[in-house]
Amino acid sequence: MGALSSKLRSGEGGKIFFRCPGCGEAHGITVGDGPGPRWGYNGNPERPTFTPSILVRGSKVVRDADGNWTGEWEHDEHGNHVKFVCHSFVKDGRIQFLGDCTHALAGQTVDLPNWER
């Protein structure tokens, strides 16, 4: 990944990644022309706006003390993977987390964090 700014990283095929403070991991979207879902981007890497909203769904992972994935998944009392939802708008360098998020920042708006080195 290449650095676009202190807030964003770029990947192949028009991918842009940002750190999500609610999930503690990176989320990526695809901008520009091409096949598949694409988001609008205001072109400002320090105060980005992406449209429309960004919806991420998946299974929660188990992390070690350093925050790295152990290769294991969190399970509920029935042995099923624990699911998560992160749904947000990124506007003018801030993340507005919607109420359907399953993390602690649901319903809050926070600054887009700097990418950790």
Protein backbone atom coordinates (compact mmCIF):
# COMPACT_ATOMS: atom_id res chain seq x y z
CA MET A 1 0.00 0.00 0.00
CA GLY A 2 1.13 3.50 -0.79
CA ALA A 3 0.60 6.57 1.36
CA LEU A 4 -1.83 9.13 -0.05
CA SER A 5 -1.74 11.16 3.18
CA SER A 6 -1.58 10.72 6.94
CA LYS A 7 -5.22 9.53 6.70
CA LEU A 8 -5.34 7.36 3.55
CA ARG A 9 -3.47 4.55 1.83
CA SER A 10 -3.84 3.47 -1.78
CA GLY A 11 -3.98 0.00 -3.23
CA GLU A 12 -4.26 -1.59 -6.65
CA GLY A 13 -7.21 -0.96 -8.95
CA GLY A 14 -8.32 2.34 -7.41
CA LYS A 15 -8.57 1.04 -3.83
CA ILE A 16 -8.37 3.56 -0.98
CA PHE A 17 -8.01 2.45 2.63
CA PHE A 18 -8.67 4.31 5.89
CA ARG A 19 -8.34 3.28 9.51
CA CYS A 20 -11.64 2.67 11.30
CA PRO A 21 -11.44 3.55 15.00
CA GLY A 22 -14.67 1.64 15.66
CA CYS A 23 -13.38 -1.66 14.29
CA GLY A 24 -9.69 -1.12 14.93
CA GLU A 25 -8.79 -2.11 11.38
CA ALA A 26 -8.62 -0.76 7.85
CA HIS A 27 -11.64 -0.46 5.56
CA GLY A 28 -11.21 -0.17 1.82
CA ILE A 29 -13.33 1.16 -1.01
CA THR A 30 -12.76 1.45 -4.75
CA VAL A 31 -12.92 4.81 -6.52
CA GLY A 32 -12.62 5.87 -10.15
CA ASP A 33 -13.79 4.17 -13.31
CA GLY A 34 -14.00 0.41 -13.68
CA PRO A 35 -16.08 -2.63 -12.94
CA GLY A 36 -17.74 -3.41 -9.65
CA PRO A 37 -19.00 -1.11 -6.91
CA ARG A 38 -17.35 2.33 -6.93
CA TRP A 39 -17.53 5.24 -4.52
CA GLY A 40 -17.33 8.93 -5.18
CA TYR A 41 -14.26 10.67 -3.75
CA ASN A 42 -13.69 14.40 -3.37
CA GLY A 43 -9.96 14.00 -4.11
CA ASN A 44 -8.85 15.53 -0.79
CA PRO A 45 -6.56 13.00 0.95
CA GLU A 46 -6.42 14.99 4.23
CA ARG A 47 -10.19 15.66 4.49
CA PRO A 48 -11.76 12.95 2.32
CA THR A 49 -15.42 12.57 1.52
CA PHE A 50 -16.69 9.28 0.08
CA THR A 51 -20.19 8.71 -1.27
CA PRO A 52 -22.41 6.83 -0.70
CA SER A 53 -22.15 5.28 2.77
CA ILE A 54 -19.68 2.49 3.50
CA LEU A 55 -21.12 -0.77 4.83
CA VAL A 56 -18.76 -3.45 6.13
CA ARG A 57 -20.06 -6.77 7.42
CA GLY A 58 -18.10 -9.77 8.58
CA SER A 59 -17.10 -12.05 11.40
CA LYS A 60 -15.14 -10.84 14.42
CA VAL A 61 -11.57 -12.03 14.67
CA VAL A 62 -9.53 -12.89 17.77
CA ARG A 63 -6.59 -10.53 18.25
CA ASP A 64 -3.45 -10.94 20.35
CA ALA A 65 -2.17 -8.34 22.84
CA ASP A 66 -0.56 -6.37 19.96
CA GLY A 67 -3.83 -6.24 18.02
CA ASN A 68 -2.77 -8.79 15.41
CA TRP A 69 -5.18 -11.43 14.14
CA THR A 70 -4.40 -14.82 15.66
CA GLY A 71 -6.00 -16.74 12.78
CA GLU A 72 -9.01 -17.55 14.96
CA TRP A 73 -12.58 -16.24 14.86
CA GLU A 74 -14.74 -15.18 17.79
CA HIS A 75 -17.58 -17.63 18.49
CA ASP A 76 -20.84 -17.29 20.40
CA GLU A 77 -22.14 -19.79 22.96
CA HIS A 78 -23.47 -21.97 20.11
CA GLY A 79 -20.14 -22.09 18.27
CA ASN A 80 -21.22 -19.69 15.51
CA HIS A 81 -18.98 -16.87 14.30
CA VAL A 82 -19.81 -13.56 15.97
CA LYS A 83 -20.90 -11.14 13.24
CA PHE A 84 -20.20 -7.41 13.09
CA VAL A 85 -21.53 -4.42 11.14
CA CYS A 86 -19.75 -1.12 10.52
CA HIS A 87 -21.84 1.39 8.58
CA SER A 88 -20.61 4.93 8.13
CA PHE A 89 -20.39 8.10 6.09
CA VAL A 90 -16.96 9.65 5.61
CA LYS A 91 -17.43 13.40 5.15
CA ASP A 92 -14.81 16.13 5.21
CA GLY A 93 -12.30 13.96 7.12
CA ARG A 94 -14.77 12.73 9.74
CA ILE A 95 -16.51 9.39 10.15
CA GLN A 96 -20.20 9.42 11.05
CA PHE A 97 -21.03 5.96 12.41
CA LEU A 98 -24.64 4.98 11.87
CA GLY A 99 -26.86 3.34 14.48
CA ASP A 100 -26.64 -0.15 12.97
CA CYS A 101 -22.93 -0.44 13.84
CA THR A 102 -22.19 -3.18 16.34
CA HIS A 103 -19.17 -1.41 17.89
CA ALA A 104 -18.94 1.20 20.65
CA LEU A 105 -18.82 4.19 18.26
CA ALA A 106 -22.32 3.57 16.84
CA GLY A 107 -24.17 6.88 16.55
CA GLN A 108 -21.02 9.00 16.99
CA THR A 109 -19.00 11.18 14.63
CA VAL A 110 -15.21 11.27 15.04
CA ASP A 111 -12.18 12.52 13.12
CA LEU A 112 -10.65 10.11 10.65
CA PRO A 113 -7.56 8.85 12.50
CA ASN A 114 -4.03 9.04 11.17
CA TRP A 115 -2.64 5.85 9.71
CA GLU A 116 -0.31 4.11 12.15
CA ARG A 117 3.23 3.69 10.92
